[in-house]
Amino acid sequence: MDKYIYDDKNGLWYELQGDYYIPCLGLLTEKEKPIGLWGQRHLHYLKEHKRLIYINLMTSDRLNEYLVLLAGTASRTLNALVCFRK
């Protein structure tokens, strides 16, 4: 039996372990970007008040991406408000 096999139907590689083929799965190796002050505040808010959204973002590996996007939007909005006030 081959040590590794590829399944065209689902696009996964399988590794032979004992008598069974186990899918070769791993986490993505994307670097986390800094989330800044607004991202940290929103992260705290999600953990305290929106637990389900926080867990969904964590398990889908999109939490950091979401917080970086939110922090950028919040920062641009604050800058626009400050410039408008002058």
N, C-alpha and C. Protein backbone atom coordinates (compact mmCIF):
# COMPACT_ATOMS: atom_id res chain seq x y z
N MET A 1 0.84 -1.18 0.00
CA MET A 1 0.00 0.00 0.00
C MET A 1 0.88 1.24 0.00
N ASP A 2 0.43 2.27 -0.70
CA ASP A 2 1.16 3.53 -0.76
C ASP A 2 1.05 4.26 0.57
N LYS A 3 2.11 4.97 0.94
CA LYS A 3 2.11 5.75 2.18
C LYS A 3 1.17 6.95 2.06
N TYR A 4 1.16 7.60 0.87
CA TYR A 4 0.29 8.75 0.63
C TYR A 4 -0.54 8.50 -0.62
N ILE A 5 -1.80 8.91 -0.58
CA ILE A 5 -2.64 8.85 -1.77
C ILE A 5 -3.39 10.18 -1.90
N TYR A 6 -3.79 10.49 -3.14
CA TYR A 6 -4.51 11.73 -3.42
C TYR A 6 -5.90 11.37 -3.94
N ASP A 7 -6.92 12.03 -3.38
CA ASP A 7 -8.30 11.81 -3.81
C ASP A 7 -8.74 12.96 -4.70
N ASP A 8 -9.00 12.68 -5.98
CA ASP A 8 -9.40 13.72 -6.93
C ASP A 8 -10.78 14.29 -6.60
N LYS A 9 -11.64 13.52 -5.97
CA LYS A 9 -13.01 13.98 -5.68
C LYS A 9 -13.04 15.16 -4.72
N ASN A 10 -12.22 15.11 -3.66
CA ASN A 10 -12.26 16.20 -2.69
C ASN A 10 -10.96 17.00 -2.63
N GLY A 11 -9.94 16.59 -3.36
CA GLY A 11 -8.69 17.34 -3.42
C GLY A 11 -7.82 17.21 -2.18
N LEU A 12 -7.95 16.13 -1.43
CA LEU A 12 -7.16 15.94 -0.22
C LEU A 12 -6.14 14.83 -0.38
N TRP A 13 -5.03 14.98 0.33
CA TRP A 13 -4.03 13.93 0.44
C TRP A 13 -4.33 13.12 1.68
N TYR A 14 -4.07 11.82 1.62
CA TYR A 14 -4.28 10.92 2.76
C TYR A 14 -2.98 10.19 3.06
N GLU A 15 -2.72 9.98 4.36
CA GLU A 15 -1.53 9.28 4.80
C GLU A 15 -1.93 7.97 5.47
N LEU A 16 -1.22 6.91 5.14
CA LEU A 16 -1.49 5.60 5.72
C LEU A 16 -0.93 5.55 7.15
N GLN A 17 -1.82 5.30 8.11
CA GLN A 17 -1.42 5.14 9.50
C GLN A 17 -2.05 3.85 10.00
N GLY A 18 -1.24 2.84 10.15
CA GLY A 18 -1.76 1.52 10.51
C GLY A 18 -2.49 0.93 9.32
N ASP A 19 -3.76 0.61 9.50
CA ASP A 19 -4.58 0.06 8.42
C ASP A 19 -5.48 1.10 7.78
N TYR A 20 -5.41 2.36 8.21
CA TYR A 20 -6.36 3.39 7.76
C TYR A 20 -5.63 4.55 7.11
N TYR A 21 -6.31 5.17 6.15
CA TYR A 21 -5.82 6.39 5.55
C TYR A 21 -6.47 7.58 6.26
N ILE A 22 -5.63 8.45 6.79
CA ILE A 22 -6.07 9.62 7.54
C ILE A 22 -5.77 10.86 6.69
N PRO A 23 -6.72 11.81 6.58
CA PRO A 23 -6.45 13.01 5.78
C PRO A 23 -5.29 13.83 6.36
N CYS A 24 -4.47 14.35 5.47
CA CYS A 24 -3.36 15.21 5.88
C CYS A 24 -3.89 16.64 5.98
N LEU A 25 -4.18 17.08 7.18
CA LEU A 25 -4.73 18.41 7.40
C LEU A 25 -3.75 19.23 8.22
N GLY A 26 -3.79 20.53 8.04
CA GLY A 26 -2.93 21.42 8.80
C GLY A 26 -3.51 22.82 8.80
N LEU A 27 -3.01 23.65 9.69
CA LEU A 27 -3.45 25.03 9.77
C LEU A 27 -2.72 25.87 8.75
N LEU A 28 -3.38 26.93 8.31
CA LEU A 28 -2.73 27.88 7.42
C LEU A 28 -1.63 28.60 8.18
N THR A 29 -0.57 28.95 7.48
CA THR A 29 0.56 29.58 8.14
C THR A 29 0.64 31.07 7.80
N GLU A 30 -0.48 31.75 7.82
CA GLU A 30 -0.47 33.18 7.56
C GLU A 30 0.02 33.91 8.80
N LYS A 31 0.79 34.97 8.59
CA LYS A 31 1.25 35.77 9.71
C LYS A 31 0.12 36.68 10.17
N GLU A 32 -0.01 36.81 11.48
CA GLU A 32 -1.02 37.71 12.00
C GLU A 32 -0.53 39.14 11.90
N LYS A 33 -1.42 40.02 11.50
CA LYS A 33 -1.09 41.43 11.39
C LYS A 33 -1.48 42.12 12.70
N PRO A 34 -0.80 43.20 13.05
CA PRO A 34 -1.16 43.92 14.27
C PRO A 34 -2.54 44.55 14.14
N ILE A 35 -3.33 44.48 15.21
CA ILE A 35 -4.71 44.95 15.14
C ILE A 35 -4.89 46.35 15.72
N GLY A 36 -3.92 46.86 16.42
CA GLY A 36 -3.99 48.22 16.94
C GLY A 36 -4.99 48.38 18.08
N LEU A 37 -5.14 49.62 18.50
CA LEU A 37 -6.00 49.95 19.64
C LEU A 37 -7.46 49.61 19.38
N TRP A 38 -7.98 50.02 18.21
CA TRP A 38 -9.40 49.81 17.93
C TRP A 38 -9.71 48.33 17.76
N GLY A 39 -8.79 47.58 17.18
CA GLY A 39 -8.98 46.15 17.05
C GLY A 39 -8.98 45.45 18.40
N GLN A 40 -8.10 45.89 19.30
CA GLN A 40 -8.06 45.31 20.64
C GLN A 40 -9.33 45.60 21.41
N ARG A 41 -9.83 46.82 21.28
CA ARG A 41 -11.08 47.18 21.96
C ARG A 41 -12.25 46.36 21.43
N HIS A 42 -12.30 46.18 20.12
CA HIS A 42 -13.40 45.41 19.55
C HIS A 42 -13.27 43.93 19.91
N LEU A 43 -12.05 43.43 19.98
CA LEU A 43 -11.82 42.05 20.41
C LEU A 43 -12.35 41.85 21.82
N HIS A 44 -12.06 42.78 22.71
CA HIS A 44 -12.57 42.70 24.08
C HIS A 44 -14.11 42.73 24.08
N TYR A 45 -14.70 43.59 23.26
CA TYR A 45 -16.15 43.67 23.15
C TYR A 45 -16.74 42.35 22.66
N LEU A 46 -16.14 41.76 21.65
CA LEU A 46 -16.63 40.48 21.13
C LEU A 46 -16.56 39.39 22.20
N LYS A 47 -15.45 39.34 22.92
CA LYS A 47 -15.29 38.31 23.95
C LYS A 47 -16.31 38.47 25.07
N GLU A 48 -16.62 39.70 25.44
CA GLU A 48 -17.51 39.95 26.56
C GLU A 48 -19.00 39.89 26.18
N HIS A 49 -19.35 40.42 25.00
CA HIS A 49 -20.77 40.62 24.68
C HIS A 49 -21.28 39.85 23.46
N LYS A 50 -20.41 39.45 22.57
CA LYS A 50 -20.81 38.75 21.34
C LYS A 50 -20.01 37.46 21.21
N ARG A 51 -20.17 36.59 22.18
CA ARG A 51 -19.37 35.37 22.29
C ARG A 51 -19.51 34.46 21.06
N LEU A 52 -20.71 34.33 20.53
CA LEU A 52 -20.94 33.46 19.38
C LEU A 52 -20.20 33.96 18.14
N ILE A 53 -20.25 35.25 17.89
CA ILE A 53 -19.52 35.82 16.75
C ILE A 53 -18.03 35.61 16.93
N TYR A 54 -17.54 35.83 18.16
CA TYR A 54 -16.12 35.63 18.46
C TYR A 54 -15.71 34.19 18.18
N ILE A 55 -16.48 33.23 18.64
CA ILE A 55 -16.15 31.82 18.44
C ILE A 55 -16.20 31.45 16.97
N ASN A 56 -17.20 31.95 16.24
CA ASN A 56 -17.29 31.67 14.80
C ASN A 56 -16.09 32.22 14.05
N LEU A 57 -15.66 33.43 14.38
CA LEU A 57 -14.49 34.01 13.72
C LEU A 57 -13.22 33.26 14.09
N MET A 58 -13.12 32.84 15.33
CA MET A 58 -11.94 32.08 15.78
C MET A 58 -11.84 30.74 15.06
N THR A 59 -12.96 30.00 15.01
CA THR A 59 -12.91 28.66 14.43
C THR A 59 -12.76 28.69 12.91
N SER A 60 -13.18 29.77 12.28
CA SER A 60 -13.02 29.86 10.83
C SER A 60 -11.69 30.51 10.45
N ASP A 61 -10.87 30.85 11.47
CA ASP A 61 -9.54 31.45 11.26
C ASP A 61 -9.61 32.78 10.53
N ARG A 62 -10.66 33.57 10.84
CA ARG A 62 -10.82 34.88 10.21
C ARG A 62 -10.82 36.01 11.22
N LEU A 63 -10.56 35.73 12.48
CA LEU A 63 -10.64 36.76 13.53
C LEU A 63 -9.64 37.87 13.29
N ASN A 64 -8.38 37.54 13.06
CA ASN A 64 -7.37 38.57 12.87
C ASN A 64 -7.67 39.42 11.64
N GLU A 65 -8.07 38.78 10.56
CA GLU A 65 -8.41 39.50 9.33
C GLU A 65 -9.55 40.48 9.58
N TYR A 66 -10.57 40.03 10.31
CA TYR A 66 -11.72 40.87 10.64
C TYR A 66 -11.30 42.06 11.50
N LEU A 67 -10.46 41.82 12.51
CA LEU A 67 -10.04 42.89 13.40
C LEU A 67 -9.13 43.91 12.70
N VAL A 68 -8.30 43.45 11.80
CA VAL A 68 -7.43 44.37 11.04
C VAL A 68 -8.30 45.26 10.15
N LEU A 69 -9.29 44.68 9.49
CA LEU A 69 -10.20 45.47 8.65
C LEU A 69 -10.98 46.48 9.48
N LEU A 70 -11.49 46.05 10.62
CA LEU A 70 -12.25 46.93 11.50
C LEU A 70 -11.36 48.06 12.03
N ALA A 71 -10.15 47.74 12.44
CA ALA A 71 -9.23 48.75 12.97
C ALA A 71 -8.91 49.80 11.91
N GLY A 72 -8.69 49.37 10.69
CA GLY A 72 -8.42 50.31 9.61
C GLY A 72 -9.60 51.23 9.34
N THR A 73 -10.80 50.66 9.33
CA THR A 73 -12.01 51.45 9.11
C THR A 73 -12.21 52.46 10.24
N ALA A 74 -12.02 52.02 11.48
CA ALA A 74 -12.19 52.91 12.62
C ALA A 74 -11.16 54.03 12.60
N SER A 75 -9.94 53.70 12.25
CA SER A 75 -8.89 54.71 12.19
C SER A 75 -9.17 55.75 11.10
N ARG A 76 -9.60 55.30 9.93
CA ARG A 76 -9.93 56.24 8.85
C ARG A 76 -11.12 57.11 9.22
N THR A 77 -12.11 56.54 9.88
CA THR A 77 -13.29 57.30 10.31
C THR A 77 -12.89 58.38 11.31
N LEU A 78 -12.05 58.02 12.27
CA LEU A 78 -11.59 58.99 13.27
C LEU A 78 -10.80 60.11 12.59
N ASN A 79 -9.92 59.76 11.67
CA ASN A 79 -9.15 60.79 10.96
C ASN A 79 -10.07 61.71 10.16
N ALA A 80 -11.09 61.17 9.53
CA ALA A 80 -12.03 61.99 8.77
C ALA A 80 -12.80 62.93 9.69
N LEU A 81 -13.18 62.45 10.86
CA LEU A 81 -13.90 63.30 11.81
C LEU A 81 -13.02 64.42 12.34
N VAL A 82 -11.76 64.11 12.61
CA VAL A 82 -10.84 65.12 13.10
C VAL A 82 -10.58 66.17 12.02
N CYS A 83 -10.39 65.75 10.79
CA CYS A 83 -10.16 66.69 9.69
C CYS A 83 -11.40 67.53 9.43
N PHE A 84 -12.58 66.96 9.56
CA PHE A 84 -13.83 67.68 9.33
C PHE A 84 -14.02 68.76 10.39
N ARG A 85 -13.58 68.47 11.59
CA ARG A 85 -13.76 69.39 12.72
C ARG A 85 -12.90 70.63 12.57
N LYS A 86 -11.75 70.54 11.93
CA LYS A 86 -10.82 71.68 11.80
C LYS A 86 -11.34 72.76 10.92
